Amino acid sequence: MTTPALLIFKPDVAYRRAVRAEIWRWLQSRDDLKLTGLRWFHAPRELIEQHYDFLQGKPFFPWLVDFMSALPVVVAELEAAPADLERIRHDLGETQIQKARPGSVRERYGIYGGVNCLHLSDSAESGRKETELWSRYITFDGVQPDHLAESAHAPDHTYRLRSLAAQYSAGIHRDLAADAILSLLQEETDLGGLEFQAYSRIMLGAFD
């Protein structure tokens, strides 16, 4: 018996073209899940606050809400058996990048701390709860993978970004590290103008 689950391409995947394409290929290659809906969606702050209500009061909560609501993200609904959902989460890897098991999605593409590629419901119960919540704001009416596989030979600077994020977080060469991070992110994305400014803010905010 399958149950619904919620999957979100967080901004650190949604806007890094090469990484986004790799994650999309990883999802398509799996036979233990069925995507029943997928689309770009700009979540309102109130939805993100409800989604992460168990984290309210944490010092990073304001940043997390900004991170997930500043720009549109890719949101998907999938169906999977509970055992398969557990297996997918195993392959995704631990939440904290520094603890993600070698070979997992987060170990390969995550940058630092909680900048960890994807959100995926952690159980059948949370999957039902999260898909019900998000369905009040978004209609999952089929899979619309616009541009997800279009990497256009974009670079993937994951490992250098990881090193620079650690320096920035530790206050080592902070200004230089920030400039280098933003330069590498600009190479990876096709965002520009005010959208890139918002992206820069939420990404650097993750490493404070």
N, C-alpha and C. Protein backbone atom coordinates (compact mmCIF):
# COMPACT_ATOMS: atom_id res chain seq x y z
N MET A 1 0.84 -1.19 0.00
CA MET A 1 0.00 0.00 0.00
C MET A 1 0.87 1.24 0.00
N THR A 2 0.58 2.17 -0.90
CA THR A 2 1.36 3.40 -0.98
C THR A 2 0.68 4.54 -0.24
N THR A 3 1.49 5.52 0.15
CA THR A 3 0.99 6.71 0.81
C THR A 3 1.62 7.93 0.15
N PRO A 4 0.98 9.09 0.28
CA PRO A 4 1.55 10.30 -0.32
C PRO A 4 2.70 10.84 0.50
N ALA A 5 3.60 11.54 -0.16
CA ALA A 5 4.71 12.23 0.50
C ALA A 5 4.99 13.52 -0.25
N LEU A 6 5.56 14.47 0.46
CA LEU A 6 5.88 15.77 -0.13
C LEU A 6 7.38 15.85 -0.38
N LEU A 7 7.73 16.32 -1.55
CA LEU A 7 9.13 16.51 -1.94
C LEU A 7 9.31 17.95 -2.40
N ILE A 8 10.35 18.62 -1.92
CA ILE A 8 10.62 20.00 -2.32
C ILE A 8 12.08 20.13 -2.74
N PHE A 9 12.30 20.65 -3.94
CA PHE A 9 13.63 21.07 -4.36
C PHE A 9 13.90 22.40 -3.65
N LYS A 10 14.73 22.41 -2.63
CA LYS A 10 15.04 23.64 -1.93
C LYS A 10 15.81 24.59 -2.85
N PRO A 11 15.91 25.88 -2.51
CA PRO A 11 16.56 26.83 -3.42
C PRO A 11 17.97 26.45 -3.84
N ASP A 12 18.73 25.77 -2.94
CA ASP A 12 20.10 25.39 -3.30
C ASP A 12 20.14 24.32 -4.37
N VAL A 13 19.02 23.69 -4.68
CA VAL A 13 18.94 22.76 -5.81
C VAL A 13 18.13 23.38 -6.95
N ALA A 14 17.05 24.05 -6.61
CA ALA A 14 16.15 24.57 -7.63
C ALA A 14 16.83 25.53 -8.59
N TYR A 15 17.87 26.24 -8.11
CA TYR A 15 18.50 27.26 -8.95
C TYR A 15 19.94 26.96 -9.33
N ARG A 16 20.46 25.81 -8.97
CA ARG A 16 21.79 25.39 -9.42
C ARG A 16 21.56 24.39 -10.56
N ARG A 17 21.72 24.86 -11.80
CA ARG A 17 21.21 24.14 -12.95
C ARG A 17 21.73 22.71 -13.07
N ALA A 18 23.04 22.52 -12.94
CA ALA A 18 23.61 21.18 -13.10
C ALA A 18 23.13 20.25 -11.99
N VAL A 19 23.10 20.75 -10.77
CA VAL A 19 22.65 19.94 -9.63
C VAL A 19 21.17 19.61 -9.78
N ARG A 20 20.38 20.60 -10.18
CA ARG A 20 18.95 20.37 -10.40
C ARG A 20 18.72 19.25 -11.41
N ALA A 21 19.48 19.25 -12.49
CA ALA A 21 19.33 18.23 -13.51
C ALA A 21 19.71 16.85 -12.97
N GLU A 22 20.75 16.78 -12.15
CA GLU A 22 21.17 15.50 -11.58
C GLU A 22 20.12 14.96 -10.61
N ILE A 23 19.55 15.82 -9.80
CA ILE A 23 18.51 15.39 -8.86
C ILE A 23 17.28 14.90 -9.63
N TRP A 24 16.93 15.59 -10.69
CA TRP A 24 15.78 15.18 -11.49
C TRP A 24 16.03 13.81 -12.12
N ARG A 25 17.25 13.58 -12.62
CA ARG A 25 17.58 12.27 -13.19
C ARG A 25 17.52 11.18 -12.11
N TRP A 26 17.98 11.52 -10.90
CA TRP A 26 17.94 10.56 -9.79
C TRP A 26 16.50 10.16 -9.48
N LEU A 27 15.60 11.13 -9.46
CA LEU A 27 14.19 10.82 -9.21
C LEU A 27 13.60 9.96 -10.32
N GLN A 28 13.90 10.32 -11.56
CA GLN A 28 13.35 9.58 -12.69
C GLN A 28 13.85 8.15 -12.76
N SER A 29 15.03 7.91 -12.22
CA SER A 29 15.62 6.57 -12.31
C SER A 29 15.05 5.60 -11.29
N ARG A 30 14.32 6.10 -10.32
CA ARG A 30 13.84 5.24 -9.24
C ARG A 30 12.53 4.54 -9.63
N ASP A 31 12.43 3.27 -9.26
CA ASP A 31 11.19 2.53 -9.51
C ASP A 31 10.40 2.29 -8.23
N ASP A 32 10.82 2.96 -7.14
CA ASP A 32 10.14 2.76 -5.86
C ASP A 32 9.29 3.97 -5.47
N LEU A 33 9.06 4.86 -6.41
CA LEU A 33 8.17 6.00 -6.17
C LEU A 33 7.44 6.35 -7.46
N LYS A 34 6.31 7.01 -7.30
CA LYS A 34 5.54 7.51 -8.43
C LYS A 34 5.25 8.97 -8.20
N LEU A 35 5.72 9.83 -9.08
CA LEU A 35 5.41 11.24 -8.99
C LEU A 35 3.98 11.46 -9.48
N THR A 36 3.15 12.04 -8.63
CA THR A 36 1.76 12.30 -9.01
C THR A 36 1.52 13.78 -9.27
N GLY A 37 2.47 14.63 -8.94
CA GLY A 37 2.37 16.05 -9.22
C GLY A 37 3.71 16.71 -9.02
N LEU A 38 4.03 17.68 -9.85
CA LEU A 38 5.29 18.42 -9.71
C LEU A 38 5.17 19.72 -10.48
N ARG A 39 5.55 20.82 -9.81
CA ARG A 39 5.48 22.12 -10.48
C ARG A 39 6.29 23.15 -9.69
N TRP A 40 6.62 24.25 -10.34
CA TRP A 40 7.21 25.39 -9.66
C TRP A 40 6.11 26.11 -8.88
N PHE A 41 6.46 26.57 -7.68
CA PHE A 41 5.46 27.23 -6.85
C PHE A 41 6.16 28.19 -5.88
N HIS A 42 5.63 29.41 -5.79
CA HIS A 42 6.16 30.41 -4.86
C HIS A 42 5.33 30.34 -3.58
N ALA A 43 5.88 29.70 -2.57
CA ALA A 43 5.13 29.47 -1.33
C ALA A 43 5.04 30.75 -0.51
N PRO A 44 3.86 31.07 0.00
CA PRO A 44 3.74 32.23 0.90
C PRO A 44 4.37 31.92 2.26
N ARG A 45 4.77 32.96 2.95
CA ARG A 45 5.43 32.79 4.24
C ARG A 45 4.55 32.01 5.22
N GLU A 46 3.25 32.26 5.18
CA GLU A 46 2.36 31.59 6.14
C GLU A 46 2.38 30.07 5.96
N LEU A 47 2.54 29.62 4.72
CA LEU A 47 2.61 28.18 4.46
C LEU A 47 3.90 27.60 5.03
N ILE A 48 5.01 28.28 4.79
CA ILE A 48 6.29 27.80 5.30
C ILE A 48 6.29 27.79 6.83
N GLU A 49 5.70 28.80 7.43
CA GLU A 49 5.62 28.85 8.90
C GLU A 49 4.81 27.67 9.44
N GLN A 50 3.75 27.31 8.74
CA GLN A 50 2.96 26.15 9.16
C GLN A 50 3.71 24.85 8.93
N HIS A 51 4.39 24.77 7.80
CA HIS A 51 5.13 23.54 7.46
C HIS A 51 6.20 23.25 8.50
N TYR A 52 6.89 24.30 8.94
CA TYR A 52 7.99 24.13 9.90
C TYR A 52 7.59 24.60 11.30
N ASP A 53 6.31 24.46 11.65
CA ASP A 53 5.86 24.98 12.94
C ASP A 53 6.59 24.35 14.13
N PHE A 54 7.08 23.13 13.97
CA PHE A 54 7.78 22.46 15.06
C PHE A 54 9.15 23.08 15.34
N LEU A 55 9.60 23.98 14.46
CA LEU A 55 10.89 24.65 14.64
C LEU A 55 10.73 26.09 15.12
N GLN A 56 9.51 26.53 15.31
CA GLN A 56 9.31 27.91 15.77
C GLN A 56 10.00 28.10 17.12
N GLY A 57 10.65 29.25 17.26
CA GLY A 57 11.41 29.53 18.47
C GLY A 57 12.88 29.26 18.33
N LYS A 58 13.27 28.48 17.30
CA LYS A 58 14.68 28.24 17.05
C LYS A 58 15.32 29.50 16.46
N PRO A 59 16.60 29.75 16.77
CA PRO A 59 17.25 30.98 16.28
C PRO A 59 17.24 31.10 14.75
N PHE A 60 17.27 29.96 14.07
CA PHE A 60 17.35 30.00 12.61
C PHE A 60 15.98 30.03 11.93
N PHE A 61 14.90 30.04 12.71
CA PHE A 61 13.57 29.95 12.10
C PHE A 61 13.26 31.11 11.15
N PRO A 62 13.56 32.37 11.50
CA PRO A 62 13.28 33.46 10.54
C PRO A 62 14.03 33.28 9.22
N TRP A 63 15.30 32.84 9.31
CA TRP A 63 16.04 32.60 8.07
C TRP A 63 15.38 31.48 7.27
N LEU A 64 14.99 30.38 7.93
CA LEU A 64 14.40 29.25 7.23
C LEU A 64 13.14 29.66 6.48
N VAL A 65 12.31 30.46 7.10
CA VAL A 65 11.08 30.93 6.43
C VAL A 65 11.45 31.77 5.21
N ASP A 66 12.43 32.65 5.36
CA ASP A 66 12.88 33.47 4.23
C ASP A 66 13.47 32.60 3.13
N PHE A 67 14.27 31.63 3.53
CA PHE A 67 14.94 30.72 2.58
C PHE A 67 13.93 30.00 1.69
N MET A 68 12.84 29.55 2.29
CA MET A 68 11.88 28.73 1.56
C MET A 68 10.76 29.54 0.90
N SER A 69 10.68 30.85 1.19
CA SER A 69 9.60 31.65 0.62
C SER A 69 10.07 32.81 -0.25
N ALA A 70 11.38 33.07 -0.30
CA ALA A 70 11.88 34.22 -1.04
C ALA A 70 11.72 34.07 -2.55
N LEU A 71 11.79 32.83 -3.03
CA LEU A 71 11.73 32.55 -4.46
C LEU A 71 10.87 31.31 -4.71
N PRO A 72 10.36 31.13 -5.92
CA PRO A 72 9.66 29.88 -6.23
C PRO A 72 10.58 28.68 -6.07
N VAL A 73 10.01 27.55 -5.68
CA VAL A 73 10.74 26.30 -5.59
C VAL A 73 9.97 25.22 -6.34
N VAL A 74 10.58 24.09 -6.54
CA VAL A 74 9.91 22.97 -7.19
C VAL A 74 9.29 22.09 -6.10
N VAL A 75 7.99 21.90 -6.18
CA VAL A 75 7.25 21.13 -5.18
C VAL A 75 6.62 19.92 -5.87
N ALA A 76 6.75 18.76 -5.25
CA ALA A 76 6.22 17.54 -5.85
C ALA A 76 5.46 16.72 -4.81
N GLU A 77 4.45 16.02 -5.30
CA GLU A 77 3.76 15.01 -4.52
C GLU A 77 4.11 13.66 -5.12
N LEU A 78 4.42 12.70 -4.28
CA LEU A 78 4.73 11.37 -4.77
C LEU A 78 4.00 10.33 -3.96
N GLU A 79 3.92 9.14 -4.53
CA GLU A 79 3.34 8.00 -3.84
C GLU A 79 4.44 6.95 -3.67
N ALA A 80 4.52 6.39 -2.47
CA ALA A 80 5.51 5.34 -2.20
C ALA A 80 5.03 4.50 -1.04
N ALA A 81 5.42 3.24 -1.03
CA ALA A 81 5.15 2.39 0.13
C ALA A 81 6.02 2.88 1.29
N PRO A 82 5.57 2.71 2.53
CA PRO A 82 6.37 3.17 3.67
C PRO A 82 7.81 2.67 3.66
N ALA A 83 8.03 1.42 3.31
CA ALA A 83 9.39 0.88 3.27
C ALA A 83 10.20 1.55 2.16
N ASP A 84 9.55 1.84 1.05
CA ASP A 84 10.25 2.51 -0.06
C ASP A 84 10.58 3.95 0.32
N LEU A 85 9.67 4.62 1.02
CA LEU A 85 9.94 5.99 1.46
C LEU A 85 11.15 6.01 2.37
N GLU A 86 11.25 5.04 3.25
CA GLU A 86 12.41 4.94 4.14
C GLU A 86 13.69 4.72 3.33
N ARG A 87 13.61 3.91 2.28
CA ARG A 87 14.78 3.64 1.44
C ARG A 87 15.19 4.89 0.67
N ILE A 88 14.22 5.65 0.17
CA ILE A 88 14.54 6.87 -0.56
C ILE A 88 15.22 7.87 0.37
N ARG A 89 14.73 7.97 1.60
CA ARG A 89 15.33 8.88 2.57
C ARG A 89 16.76 8.43 2.92
N HIS A 90 16.97 7.12 2.97
CA HIS A 90 18.32 6.61 3.22
C HIS A 90 19.26 7.05 2.10
N ASP A 91 18.79 6.94 0.87
CA ASP A 91 19.62 7.33 -0.28
C ASP A 91 19.82 8.85 -0.34
N LEU A 92 18.85 9.58 0.17
CA LEU A 92 18.98 11.03 0.23
C LEU A 92 20.07 11.44 1.21
N GLY A 93 20.17 10.76 2.34
CA GLY A 93 21.22 11.05 3.31
C GLY A 93 20.75 11.87 4.48
N GLU A 94 21.59 11.96 5.49
CA GLU A 94 21.26 12.68 6.71
C GLU A 94 21.05 14.17 6.46
N THR A 95 20.25 14.79 7.32
CA THR A 95 19.86 16.18 7.15
C THR A 95 21.07 17.12 7.17
N GLN A 96 21.97 16.94 8.13
CA GLN A 96 23.16 17.78 8.23
C GLN A 96 24.20 17.31 7.21
N ILE A 97 24.62 18.20 6.35
CA ILE A 97 25.53 17.83 5.26
C ILE A 97 26.81 17.19 5.79
N GLN A 98 27.35 17.72 6.88
CA GLN A 98 28.60 17.19 7.42
C GLN A 98 28.45 15.75 7.92
N LYS A 99 27.20 15.30 8.12
CA LYS A 99 26.96 13.95 8.61
C LYS A 99 26.38 13.03 7.55
N ALA A 100 26.16 13.55 6.33
CA ALA A 100 25.53 12.76 5.27
C ALA A 100 26.45 11.64 4.82
N ARG A 101 25.91 10.45 4.72
CA ARG A 101 26.73 9.27 4.40
C ARG A 101 27.33 9.39 3.00
N PRO A 102 28.57 8.92 2.82
CA PRO A 102 29.22 8.97 1.52
C PRO A 102 28.38 8.30 0.43
N GLY A 103 28.27 8.99 -0.69
CA GLY A 103 27.50 8.48 -1.81
C GLY A 103 26.06 8.90 -1.82
N SER A 104 25.56 9.45 -0.71
CA SER A 104 24.17 9.90 -0.67
C SER A 104 24.01 11.19 -1.48
N VAL A 105 22.77 11.51 -1.79
CA VAL A 105 22.49 12.73 -2.56
C VAL A 105 23.01 13.96 -1.84
N ARG A 106 22.77 14.04 -0.54
CA ARG A 106 23.20 15.22 0.21
C ARG A 106 24.72 15.29 0.34
N GLU A 107 25.38 14.15 0.45
CA GLU A 107 26.84 14.18 0.51
C GLU A 107 27.42 14.66 -0.82
N ARG A 108 26.77 14.34 -1.91
CA ARG A 108 27.29 14.71 -3.23
C ARG A 108 26.97 16.15 -3.61
N TYR A 109 25.78 16.64 -3.20
CA TYR A 109 25.34 17.94 -3.72
C TYR A 109 25.03 18.99 -2.65
N GLY A 110 24.96 18.61 -1.39
CA GLY A 110 24.71 19.58 -0.34
C GLY A 110 25.91 20.48 -0.12
N ILE A 111 25.66 21.67 0.40
CA ILE A 111 26.76 22.63 0.56
C ILE A 111 27.23 22.70 2.00
N TYR A 112 26.31 22.98 2.93
CA TYR A 112 26.76 23.19 4.31
C TYR A 112 25.57 23.17 5.25
N GLY A 113 25.73 22.57 6.40
CA GLY A 113 24.70 22.60 7.43
C GLY A 113 23.36 22.12 6.92
N GLY A 114 22.35 22.97 7.04
CA GLY A 114 21.01 22.62 6.61
C GLY A 114 20.69 22.98 5.17
N VAL A 115 21.68 23.42 4.42
CA VAL A 115 21.49 23.66 2.98
C VAL A 115 21.65 22.30 2.31
N ASN A 116 20.56 21.55 2.29
CA ASN A 116 20.65 20.10 2.08
C ASN A 116 19.79 19.55 0.94
N CYS A 117 19.62 20.33 -0.09
CA CYS A 117 19.07 19.87 -1.37
C CYS A 117 17.55 19.71 -1.40
N LEU A 118 17.03 18.76 -0.64
CA LEU A 118 15.63 18.39 -0.77
C LEU A 118 14.96 18.29 0.59
N HIS A 119 13.67 18.57 0.60
CA HIS A 119 12.82 18.16 1.71
C HIS A 119 12.04 16.94 1.25
N LEU A 120 11.95 15.91 2.10
CA LEU A 120 11.13 14.74 1.81
C LEU A 120 10.46 14.31 3.11
N SER A 121 9.16 14.11 3.05
CA SER A 121 8.42 13.65 4.23
C SER A 121 9.12 12.47 4.87
N ASP A 122 9.18 12.45 6.20
CA ASP A 122 9.98 11.43 6.88
C ASP A 122 9.18 10.21 7.31
N SER A 123 7.90 10.18 7.01
CA SER A 123 7.07 9.03 7.36
C SER A 123 5.75 9.11 6.60
N ALA A 124 5.01 8.02 6.63
CA ALA A 124 3.69 8.03 5.99
C ALA A 124 2.78 9.05 6.66
N GLU A 125 2.88 9.16 7.99
CA GLU A 125 2.04 10.11 8.72
C GLU A 125 2.36 11.55 8.34
N SER A 126 3.65 11.91 8.33
CA SER A 126 4.02 13.28 7.97
C SER A 126 3.73 13.54 6.50
N GLY A 127 3.84 12.52 5.65
CA GLY A 127 3.53 12.68 4.24
C GLY A 127 2.08 13.07 4.03
N ARG A 128 1.18 12.40 4.74
CA ARG A 128 -0.24 12.74 4.62
C ARG A 128 -0.51 14.15 5.16
N LYS A 129 0.12 14.47 6.27
CA LYS A 129 -0.08 15.79 6.88
C LYS A 129 0.45 16.89 5.97
N GLU A 130 1.66 16.71 5.42
CA GLU A 130 2.28 17.75 4.60
C GLU A 130 1.57 17.92 3.27
N THR A 131 1.20 16.84 2.62
CA THR A 131 0.51 16.97 1.33
C THR A 131 -0.87 17.60 1.52
N GLU A 132 -1.52 17.29 2.62
CA GLU A 132 -2.81 17.92 2.91
C GLU A 132 -2.64 19.42 3.12
N LEU A 133 -1.60 19.82 3.88
CA LEU A 133 -1.35 21.24 4.11
C LEU A 133 -1.06 21.96 2.80
N TRP A 134 -0.12 21.44 2.02
CA TRP A 134 0.28 22.12 0.79
C TRP A 134 -0.83 22.13 -0.25
N SER A 135 -1.69 21.14 -0.22
CA SER A 135 -2.80 21.09 -1.18
C SER A 135 -3.81 22.20 -0.96
N ARG A 136 -3.75 22.87 0.19
CA ARG A 136 -4.61 24.03 0.41
C ARG A 136 -4.12 25.24 -0.38
N TYR A 137 -2.87 25.19 -0.83
CA TYR A 137 -2.25 26.33 -1.52
C TYR A 137 -1.86 26.01 -2.97
N ILE A 138 -1.69 24.74 -3.28
CA ILE A 138 -1.19 24.36 -4.59
C ILE A 138 -1.98 23.18 -5.11
N THR A 139 -2.24 23.16 -6.41
CA THR A 139 -2.93 22.04 -7.04
C THR A 139 -1.91 21.14 -7.72
N PHE A 140 -1.82 19.92 -7.27
CA PHE A 140 -0.92 18.96 -7.89
C PHE A 140 -1.65 18.30 -9.06
N ASP A 141 -1.59 18.94 -10.21
CA ASP A 141 -2.37 18.47 -11.36
C ASP A 141 -1.45 17.96 -12.47
N GLY A 142 -0.62 17.01 -12.13
CA GLY A 142 0.28 16.42 -13.12
C GLY A 142 1.70 16.91 -12.95
N VAL A 143 2.60 16.26 -13.66
CA VAL A 143 4.03 16.55 -13.56
C VAL A 143 4.42 17.55 -14.64
N GLN A 144 4.95 18.68 -14.21
CA GLN A 144 5.36 19.75 -15.12
C GLN A 144 6.84 20.06 -14.88
N PRO A 145 7.74 19.26 -15.42
CA PRO A 145 9.18 19.39 -15.11
C PRO A 145 9.88 20.45 -15.96
N ASP A 146 9.30 21.65 -16.01
CA ASP A 146 9.84 22.70 -16.86
C ASP A 146 11.29 23.01 -16.51
N HIS A 147 12.17 22.81 -17.46
CA HIS A 147 13.58 23.19 -17.37
C HIS A 147 14.40 22.37 -16.38
N LEU A 148 13.82 21.39 -15.72
CA LEU A 148 14.58 20.67 -14.69
C LEU A 148 15.79 19.94 -15.26
N ALA A 149 15.67 19.41 -16.46
CA ALA A 149 16.76 18.64 -17.05
C ALA A 149 17.68 19.47 -17.92
N GLU A 150 17.41 20.77 -18.03
CA GLU A 150 18.20 21.62 -18.91
C GLU A 150 19.41 22.19 -18.16
N SER A 151 20.47 21.42 -18.10
CA SER A 151 21.67 21.89 -17.39
C SER A 151 22.50 22.84 -18.23
N ALA A 152 22.36 22.75 -19.57
CA ALA A 152 23.11 23.62 -20.48
C ALA A 152 24.60 23.62 -20.15
N HIS A 153 25.09 22.44 -19.75
CA HIS A 153 26.52 22.29 -19.41
C HIS A 153 26.95 23.27 -18.32
N ALA A 154 26.03 23.58 -17.45
CA ALA A 154 26.35 24.49 -16.34
C ALA A 154 27.34 23.83 -15.39
N PRO A 155 28.18 24.62 -14.74
CA PRO A 155 29.17 24.06 -13.81
C PRO A 155 28.52 23.64 -12.50
N ASP A 156 29.16 22.75 -11.81
CA ASP A 156 28.76 22.32 -10.48
C ASP A 156 29.93 22.59 -9.54
N HIS A 157 29.78 23.61 -8.69
CA HIS A 157 30.87 24.03 -7.81
C HIS A 157 30.66 23.54 -6.36
N THR A 158 29.96 22.44 -6.19
CA THR A 158 29.58 21.99 -4.86
C THR A 158 30.75 21.97 -3.88
N TYR A 159 31.84 21.33 -4.26
CA TYR A 159 32.91 21.10 -3.29
C TYR A 159 33.64 22.39 -2.93
N ARG A 160 33.80 23.29 -3.88
CA ARG A 160 34.42 24.57 -3.53
C ARG A 160 33.46 25.42 -2.70
N LEU A 161 32.18 25.39 -3.05
CA LEU A 161 31.20 26.12 -2.25
C LEU A 161 31.17 25.60 -0.81
N ARG A 162 31.32 24.31 -0.65
CA ARG A 162 31.33 23.71 0.68
C ARG A 162 32.50 24.25 1.51
N SER A 163 33.66 24.33 0.90
CA SER A 163 34.85 24.85 1.60
C SER A 163 34.69 26.32 1.95
N LEU A 164 34.19 27.09 1.01
CA LEU A 164 34.01 28.52 1.24
C LEU A 164 32.93 28.79 2.29
N ALA A 165 31.86 28.00 2.28
CA ALA A 165 30.80 28.17 3.27
C ALA A 165 31.33 27.90 4.67
N ALA A 166 32.21 26.92 4.81
CA ALA A 166 32.80 26.63 6.11
C ALA A 166 33.66 27.80 6.58
N GLN A 167 34.41 28.40 5.67
CA GLN A 167 35.22 29.57 6.03
C GLN A 167 34.33 30.74 6.43
N TYR A 168 33.30 30.99 5.64
CA TYR A 168 32.39 32.10 5.92
C TYR A 168 31.74 31.93 7.29
N SER A 169 31.27 30.71 7.56
CA SER A 169 30.61 30.43 8.82
C SER A 169 31.55 30.61 10.01
N ALA A 170 32.82 30.28 9.81
CA ALA A 170 33.81 30.38 10.89
C ALA A 170 34.39 31.77 11.02
N GLY A 171 34.01 32.69 10.12
CA GLY A 171 34.54 34.05 10.16
C GLY A 171 35.95 34.17 9.63
N ILE A 172 36.37 33.22 8.82
CA ILE A 172 37.71 33.22 8.25
C ILE A 172 37.64 33.82 6.84
N HIS A 173 38.38 34.91 6.60
CA HIS A 173 38.33 35.58 5.29
C HIS A 173 36.88 35.79 4.86
N ARG A 174 36.05 36.24 5.78
CA ARG A 174 34.60 36.27 5.57
C ARG A 174 34.18 37.05 4.33
N ASP A 175 34.72 38.24 4.14
CA ASP A 175 34.33 39.04 2.98
C ASP A 175 34.78 38.39 1.68
N LEU A 176 36.01 37.88 1.67
CA LEU A 176 36.51 37.21 0.48
C LEU A 176 35.70 35.95 0.18
N ALA A 177 35.39 35.21 1.23
CA ALA A 177 34.60 33.99 1.05
C ALA A 177 33.22 34.32 0.49
N ALA A 178 32.59 35.39 1.01
CA ALA A 178 31.27 35.78 0.52
C ALA A 178 31.31 36.14 -0.96
N ASP A 179 32.33 36.93 -1.35
CA ASP A 179 32.44 37.31 -2.76
C ASP A 179 32.63 36.08 -3.64
N ALA A 180 33.44 35.14 -3.18
CA ALA A 180 33.70 33.93 -3.97
C ALA A 180 32.45 33.05 -4.06
N ILE A 181 31.73 32.93 -2.96
CA ILE A 181 30.49 32.14 -2.97
C ILE A 181 29.50 32.71 -3.98
N LEU A 182 29.30 34.01 -3.95
CA LEU A 182 28.32 34.62 -4.85
C LEU A 182 28.75 34.53 -6.30
N SER A 183 30.05 34.63 -6.54
CA SER A 183 30.55 34.49 -7.90
C SER A 183 30.30 33.09 -8.44
N LEU A 184 30.54 32.07 -7.62
CA LEU A 184 30.31 30.68 -8.04
C LEU A 184 28.83 30.39 -8.22
N LEU A 185 28.01 30.91 -7.32
CA LEU A 185 26.57 30.71 -7.47
C LEU A 185 26.05 31.36 -8.75
N GLN A 186 26.59 32.53 -9.09
CA GLN A 186 26.15 33.20 -10.32
C GLN A 186 26.49 32.36 -11.54
N GLU A 187 27.62 31.67 -11.51
CA GLU A 187 27.99 30.79 -12.62
C GLU A 187 27.05 29.60 -12.74
N GLU A 188 26.52 29.15 -11.62
CA GLU A 188 25.68 27.95 -11.61
C GLU A 188 24.22 28.21 -11.99
N THR A 189 23.77 29.45 -11.82
CA THR A 189 22.35 29.75 -11.98
C THR A 189 22.09 30.67 -13.16
N ASP A 190 20.84 30.76 -13.55
CA ASP A 190 20.45 31.73 -14.58
C ASP A 190 19.64 32.87 -13.98
N LEU A 191 19.64 32.98 -12.66
CA LEU A 191 18.96 34.10 -12.01
C LEU A 191 19.74 35.39 -12.23
N GLY A 192 19.03 36.48 -12.25
CA GLY A 192 19.66 37.78 -12.38
C GLY A 192 18.88 38.84 -11.63
N GLY A 193 19.43 40.04 -11.55
CA GLY A 193 18.72 41.17 -10.97
C GLY A 193 18.27 40.94 -9.55
N LEU A 194 17.03 41.34 -9.26
CA LEU A 194 16.48 41.25 -7.91
C LEU A 194 16.36 39.80 -7.45
N GLU A 195 16.12 38.89 -8.38
CA GLU A 195 16.02 37.47 -8.01
C GLU A 195 17.36 36.95 -7.51
N PHE A 196 18.44 37.34 -8.17
CA PHE A 196 19.75 36.88 -7.70
C PHE A 196 20.11 37.56 -6.38
N GLN A 197 19.69 38.79 -6.19
CA GLN A 197 19.92 39.44 -4.90
C GLN A 197 19.22 38.68 -3.77
N ALA A 198 17.98 38.25 -4.01
CA ALA A 198 17.26 37.47 -3.00
C ALA A 198 17.95 36.13 -2.78
N TYR A 199 18.38 35.51 -3.85
CA TYR A 199 19.09 34.22 -3.76
C TYR A 199 20.39 34.37 -2.98
N SER A 200 21.11 35.44 -3.24
CA SER A 200 22.36 35.71 -2.52
C SER A 200 22.10 35.86 -1.03
N ARG A 201 21.03 36.59 -0.70
CA ARG A 201 20.71 36.84 0.71
C ARG A 201 20.41 35.55 1.45
N ILE A 202 19.57 34.71 0.87
CA ILE A 202 19.16 33.51 1.59
C ILE A 202 20.28 32.48 1.64
N MET A 203 21.14 32.45 0.62
CA MET A 203 22.25 31.50 0.65
C MET A 203 23.31 31.90 1.66
N LEU A 204 23.73 33.16 1.66
CA LEU A 204 24.69 33.60 2.65
C LEU A 204 24.10 33.52 4.07
N GLY A 205 22.81 33.79 4.18
CA GLY A 205 22.17 33.69 5.49
C GLY A 205 22.24 32.29 6.06
N ALA A 206 22.32 31.29 5.20
CA ALA A 206 22.41 29.91 5.65
C ALA A 206 23.72 29.60 6.36
N PHE A 207 24.74 30.40 6.06
CA PHE A 207 26.07 30.10 6.60
C PHE A 207 26.44 30.97 7.79
N ASP A 208 25.54 31.85 8.21
CA ASP A 208 25.80 32.70 9.38
C ASP A 208 25.73 31.89 10.67
